[in-house]
Amino acid sequence: MNAKFSAQYNADGVLFLTICPGTVDVGHYQDPTPKQAASLQGMIAQLKSYAPHFEGPATTERAIRDLISVWERDSIERCDGGDFVSHWGNKRWL
C-alpha cells in the first residue's frame, strides 16, 4: 500500500515511507513479573547474539530523533519513496 501511495503522489512531491522505530521503551515492563523478566532477558540475549552492539530498547526521545533523521534525509529525488526501512534508514533492524 505504501508503494502504491508513493507512486500515486510522487509527482505531487509527497514522500511516503514506512519506518520501523526499532525497540522502544514505552514503559510496559517497568515492574515485570519474574516470568516476564526472564522472558525479556532471554529475548535481549537473542537480540545481542544477532547484533552485539544492541544495548536494549531506545528511549522514546531517542526513537523520535532517529525517525525524524530518516524522513529528513530521505527524498523523492533519491528514490526513497515507498520504501520500508528501519530507524537507521536502511534494512538493518537492530
N, C-alpha and C. Protein backbone atom coordinates (compact mmCIF):
# COMPACT_ATOMS: atom_id res chain seq x y z
N MET A 1 0.82 -1.17 0.00
CA MET A 1 0.00 0.00 0.00
C MET A 1 0.88 1.25 0.00
N ASN A 2 1.94 1.23 0.79
CA ASN A 2 2.85 2.36 0.85
C ASN A 2 3.44 2.67 -0.52
N ALA A 3 3.85 1.63 -1.24
CA ALA A 3 4.43 1.82 -2.57
C ALA A 3 3.40 2.37 -3.55
N LYS A 4 2.15 1.92 -3.42
CA LYS A 4 1.10 2.42 -4.32
C LYS A 4 0.83 3.90 -4.08
N PHE A 5 0.73 4.30 -2.80
CA PHE A 5 0.53 5.72 -2.50
C PHE A 5 1.73 6.54 -2.95
N SER A 6 2.91 5.99 -2.77
CA SER A 6 4.11 6.69 -3.20
C SER A 6 4.08 6.94 -4.70
N ALA A 7 3.73 5.92 -5.47
CA ALA A 7 3.65 6.08 -6.93
C ALA A 7 2.58 7.09 -7.32
N GLN A 8 1.45 7.05 -6.62
CA GLN A 8 0.34 7.93 -6.95
C GLN A 8 0.66 9.40 -6.67
N TYR A 9 1.36 9.68 -5.57
CA TYR A 9 1.58 11.06 -5.15
C TYR A 9 3.00 11.56 -5.39
N ASN A 10 3.84 10.76 -6.00
CA ASN A 10 5.22 11.14 -6.26
C ASN A 10 5.31 12.44 -7.05
N ALA A 11 4.52 12.58 -8.09
CA ALA A 11 4.56 13.78 -8.92
C ALA A 11 4.12 15.03 -8.16
N ASP A 12 3.36 14.84 -7.07
CA ASP A 12 2.93 15.97 -6.25
C ASP A 12 3.95 16.33 -5.18
N GLY A 13 5.06 15.60 -5.14
CA GLY A 13 6.11 15.90 -4.16
C GLY A 13 5.87 15.35 -2.77
N VAL A 14 5.00 14.34 -2.67
CA VAL A 14 4.71 13.74 -1.37
C VAL A 14 5.54 12.46 -1.21
N LEU A 15 6.33 12.41 -0.14
CA LEU A 15 7.17 11.25 0.14
C LEU A 15 6.45 10.31 1.10
N PHE A 16 6.25 9.07 0.68
CA PHE A 16 5.65 8.05 1.54
C PHE A 16 6.74 7.07 1.96
N LEU A 17 6.90 6.89 3.26
CA LEU A 17 7.86 5.94 3.82
C LEU A 17 7.19 5.15 4.92
N THR A 18 7.62 3.92 5.10
CA THR A 18 7.24 3.15 6.27
C THR A 18 8.53 2.97 7.06
N ILE A 19 8.53 3.46 8.31
CA ILE A 19 9.73 3.42 9.13
C ILE A 19 9.46 2.62 10.40
N CYS A 20 10.24 1.58 10.61
CA CYS A 20 10.16 0.79 11.84
C CYS A 20 10.94 1.53 12.92
N PRO A 21 10.33 1.82 14.06
CA PRO A 21 11.03 2.58 15.10
C PRO A 21 12.05 1.77 15.88
N GLY A 22 12.13 0.47 15.65
CA GLY A 22 13.03 -0.35 16.44
C GLY A 22 12.42 -0.67 17.79
N THR A 23 13.23 -1.14 18.71
CA THR A 23 12.72 -1.43 20.05
C THR A 23 12.75 -0.15 20.86
N VAL A 24 11.61 0.18 21.45
CA VAL A 24 11.46 1.43 22.19
C VAL A 24 10.87 1.13 23.56
N ASP A 25 11.48 1.69 24.59
CA ASP A 25 10.98 1.52 25.95
C ASP A 25 9.82 2.49 26.15
N VAL A 26 8.62 1.95 26.18
CA VAL A 26 7.43 2.79 26.38
C VAL A 26 6.79 2.54 27.74
N GLY A 27 7.53 1.89 28.63
CA GLY A 27 7.06 1.72 30.00
C GLY A 27 6.18 0.52 30.27
N HIS A 28 6.05 -0.37 29.32
CA HIS A 28 5.17 -1.53 29.52
C HIS A 28 5.71 -2.52 30.54
N TYR A 29 7.01 -2.53 30.74
CA TYR A 29 7.61 -3.52 31.63
C TYR A 29 8.43 -2.86 32.73
N GLN A 30 7.90 -1.80 33.33
CA GLN A 30 8.63 -1.14 34.41
C GLN A 30 8.73 -2.02 35.65
N ASP A 31 7.71 -2.77 35.95
CA ASP A 31 7.71 -3.68 37.09
C ASP A 31 7.32 -5.08 36.62
N PRO A 32 8.22 -5.74 35.87
CA PRO A 32 7.84 -7.04 35.31
C PRO A 32 7.74 -8.12 36.40
N THR A 33 6.89 -9.07 36.13
CA THR A 33 6.81 -10.25 36.99
C THR A 33 8.09 -11.05 36.77
N PRO A 34 8.42 -11.97 37.66
CA PRO A 34 9.62 -12.80 37.44
C PRO A 34 9.58 -13.54 36.09
N LYS A 35 8.41 -14.01 35.70
CA LYS A 35 8.28 -14.71 34.42
C LYS A 35 8.55 -13.75 33.25
N GLN A 36 7.99 -12.53 33.32
CA GLN A 36 8.23 -11.55 32.27
C GLN A 36 9.70 -11.15 32.22
N ALA A 37 10.32 -10.95 33.38
CA ALA A 37 11.73 -10.56 33.43
C ALA A 37 12.61 -11.63 32.79
N ALA A 38 12.33 -12.89 33.08
CA ALA A 38 13.11 -13.98 32.49
C ALA A 38 12.92 -14.02 30.98
N SER A 39 11.70 -13.82 30.53
CA SER A 39 11.41 -13.81 29.10
C SER A 39 12.12 -12.65 28.41
N LEU A 40 12.07 -11.47 29.02
CA LEU A 40 12.74 -10.30 28.45
C LEU A 40 14.25 -10.51 28.38
N GLN A 41 14.83 -11.06 29.43
CA GLN A 41 16.27 -11.31 29.43
C GLN A 41 16.65 -12.29 28.33
N GLY A 42 15.82 -13.31 28.13
CA GLY A 42 16.08 -14.26 27.05
C GLY A 42 15.99 -13.62 25.68
N MET A 43 14.99 -12.77 25.50
CA MET A 43 14.83 -12.09 24.21
C MET A 43 16.00 -11.14 23.96
N ILE A 44 16.41 -10.39 24.97
CA ILE A 44 17.53 -9.46 24.80
C ILE A 44 18.81 -10.22 24.51
N ALA A 45 19.01 -11.38 25.13
CA ALA A 45 20.19 -12.20 24.85
C ALA A 45 20.19 -12.64 23.38
N GLN A 46 19.04 -13.02 22.86
CA GLN A 46 18.95 -13.42 21.45
C GLN A 46 19.25 -12.23 20.53
N LEU A 47 18.72 -11.07 20.88
CA LEU A 47 18.97 -9.89 20.05
C LEU A 47 20.45 -9.52 20.07
N LYS A 48 21.09 -9.65 21.23
CA LYS A 48 22.52 -9.33 21.33
C LYS A 48 23.37 -10.34 20.57
N SER A 49 22.92 -11.58 20.48
CA SER A 49 23.69 -12.56 19.70
C SER A 49 23.60 -12.22 18.21
N TYR A 50 22.50 -11.64 17.79
CA TYR A 50 22.33 -11.20 16.40
C TYR A 50 23.07 -9.89 16.14
N ALA A 51 22.97 -8.96 17.10
CA ALA A 51 23.58 -7.64 16.96
C ALA A 51 24.30 -7.29 18.26
N PRO A 52 25.58 -7.64 18.38
CA PRO A 52 26.31 -7.45 19.64
C PRO A 52 26.31 -6.01 20.16
N HIS A 53 26.13 -5.04 19.30
CA HIS A 53 26.11 -3.63 19.73
C HIS A 53 24.78 -3.24 20.39
N PHE A 54 23.77 -4.10 20.31
CA PHE A 54 22.44 -3.78 20.86
C PHE A 54 22.53 -3.62 22.37
N GLU A 55 22.03 -2.49 22.87
CA GLU A 55 22.10 -2.19 24.31
C GLU A 55 20.73 -2.18 24.98
N GLY A 56 19.71 -2.56 24.26
CA GLY A 56 18.37 -2.55 24.81
C GLY A 56 17.50 -1.52 24.12
N PRO A 57 16.25 -1.43 24.54
CA PRO A 57 15.32 -0.51 23.90
C PRO A 57 15.77 0.95 24.01
N ALA A 58 15.46 1.71 22.99
CA ALA A 58 15.75 3.14 22.99
C ALA A 58 14.71 3.87 23.83
N THR A 59 15.08 5.04 24.32
CA THR A 59 14.09 5.90 24.97
C THR A 59 13.16 6.43 23.89
N THR A 60 11.99 6.90 24.28
CA THR A 60 11.07 7.46 23.29
C THR A 60 11.70 8.69 22.63
N GLU A 61 12.44 9.48 23.38
CA GLU A 61 13.08 10.67 22.82
C GLU A 61 14.08 10.28 21.74
N ARG A 62 14.89 9.26 22.02
CA ARG A 62 15.88 8.81 21.05
C ARG A 62 15.20 8.23 19.81
N ALA A 63 14.14 7.46 20.01
CA ALA A 63 13.42 6.87 18.88
C ALA A 63 12.84 7.95 17.98
N ILE A 64 12.30 8.99 18.57
CA ILE A 64 11.74 10.09 17.78
C ILE A 64 12.84 10.78 16.99
N ARG A 65 13.99 11.04 17.62
CA ARG A 65 15.11 11.67 16.89
C ARG A 65 15.54 10.80 15.71
N ASP A 66 15.60 9.48 15.94
CA ASP A 66 16.00 8.57 14.86
C ASP A 66 15.01 8.63 13.69
N LEU A 67 13.72 8.59 14.00
CA LEU A 67 12.70 8.63 12.94
C LEU A 67 12.76 9.94 12.16
N ILE A 68 12.88 11.05 12.88
CA ILE A 68 12.95 12.35 12.21
C ILE A 68 14.17 12.41 11.30
N SER A 69 15.30 11.89 11.76
CA SER A 69 16.51 11.94 10.92
C SER A 69 16.32 11.15 9.63
N VAL A 70 15.55 10.06 9.69
CA VAL A 70 15.30 9.27 8.48
C VAL A 70 14.46 10.07 7.50
N TRP A 71 13.33 10.62 7.95
CA TRP A 71 12.48 11.29 6.96
C TRP A 71 13.05 12.63 6.52
N GLU A 72 13.94 13.23 7.30
CA GLU A 72 14.59 14.46 6.83
C GLU A 72 15.68 14.16 5.81
N ARG A 73 16.29 13.00 5.89
CA ARG A 73 17.37 12.63 4.97
C ARG A 73 16.82 12.06 3.66
N ASP A 74 15.76 11.27 3.73
CA ASP A 74 15.22 10.63 2.54
C ASP A 74 14.48 11.63 1.66
N SER A 75 14.37 11.29 0.39
CA SER A 75 13.71 12.21 -0.54
C SER A 75 13.17 11.46 -1.75
N ILE A 76 12.29 12.12 -2.45
CA ILE A 76 11.76 11.58 -3.70
C ILE A 76 12.88 11.53 -4.73
N GLU A 77 13.72 12.55 -4.74
CA GLU A 77 14.81 12.62 -5.70
C GLU A 77 15.79 11.45 -5.55
N ARG A 78 15.96 10.96 -4.35
CA ARG A 78 16.84 9.81 -4.10
C ARG A 78 16.10 8.49 -4.31
N CYS A 79 14.86 8.56 -4.74
CA CYS A 79 14.02 7.38 -4.98
C CYS A 79 13.75 6.59 -3.71
N ASP A 80 13.57 7.29 -2.59
CA ASP A 80 13.30 6.64 -1.31
C ASP A 80 11.82 6.37 -1.10
N GLY A 81 10.96 6.97 -1.90
CA GLY A 81 9.52 6.82 -1.71
C GLY A 81 9.06 5.38 -1.82
N GLY A 82 8.10 5.01 -0.96
CA GLY A 82 7.52 3.68 -0.98
C GLY A 82 8.35 2.64 -0.26
N ASP A 83 9.45 3.05 0.33
CA ASP A 83 10.35 2.10 0.97
C ASP A 83 9.91 1.76 2.39
N PHE A 84 10.37 0.62 2.88
CA PHE A 84 10.18 0.20 4.27
C PHE A 84 11.57 0.08 4.87
N VAL A 85 11.88 0.95 5.82
CA VAL A 85 13.23 0.99 6.38
C VAL A 85 13.19 0.96 7.91
N SER A 86 14.34 0.72 8.48
CA SER A 86 14.47 0.74 9.94
C SER A 86 14.69 2.17 10.42
N HIS A 87 14.80 2.31 11.71
CA HIS A 87 15.08 3.62 12.30
C HIS A 87 16.47 4.13 11.94
N TRP A 88 17.28 3.29 11.32
CA TRP A 88 18.59 3.70 10.82
C TRP A 88 18.48 4.21 9.37
N GLY A 89 17.32 4.03 8.74
CA GLY A 89 17.13 4.45 7.36
C GLY A 89 17.58 3.42 6.34
N ASN A 90 17.77 2.18 6.80
CA ASN A 90 18.21 1.11 5.91
C ASN A 90 17.49 -0.19 6.29
N LYS A 91 18.06 -1.31 5.94
CA LYS A 91 17.45 -2.60 6.27
C LYS A 91 18.11 -3.26 7.48
N ARG A 92 18.87 -2.50 8.24
CA ARG A 92 19.46 -3.01 9.49
C ARG A 92 18.45 -2.76 10.60
N TRP A 93 17.98 -3.80 11.24
CA TRP A 93 16.84 -3.67 12.16
C TRP A 93 17.25 -3.48 13.61
N LEU A 94 18.46 -3.80 13.98
CA LEU A 94 18.94 -3.58 15.35
C LEU A 94 20.24 -2.81 15.33
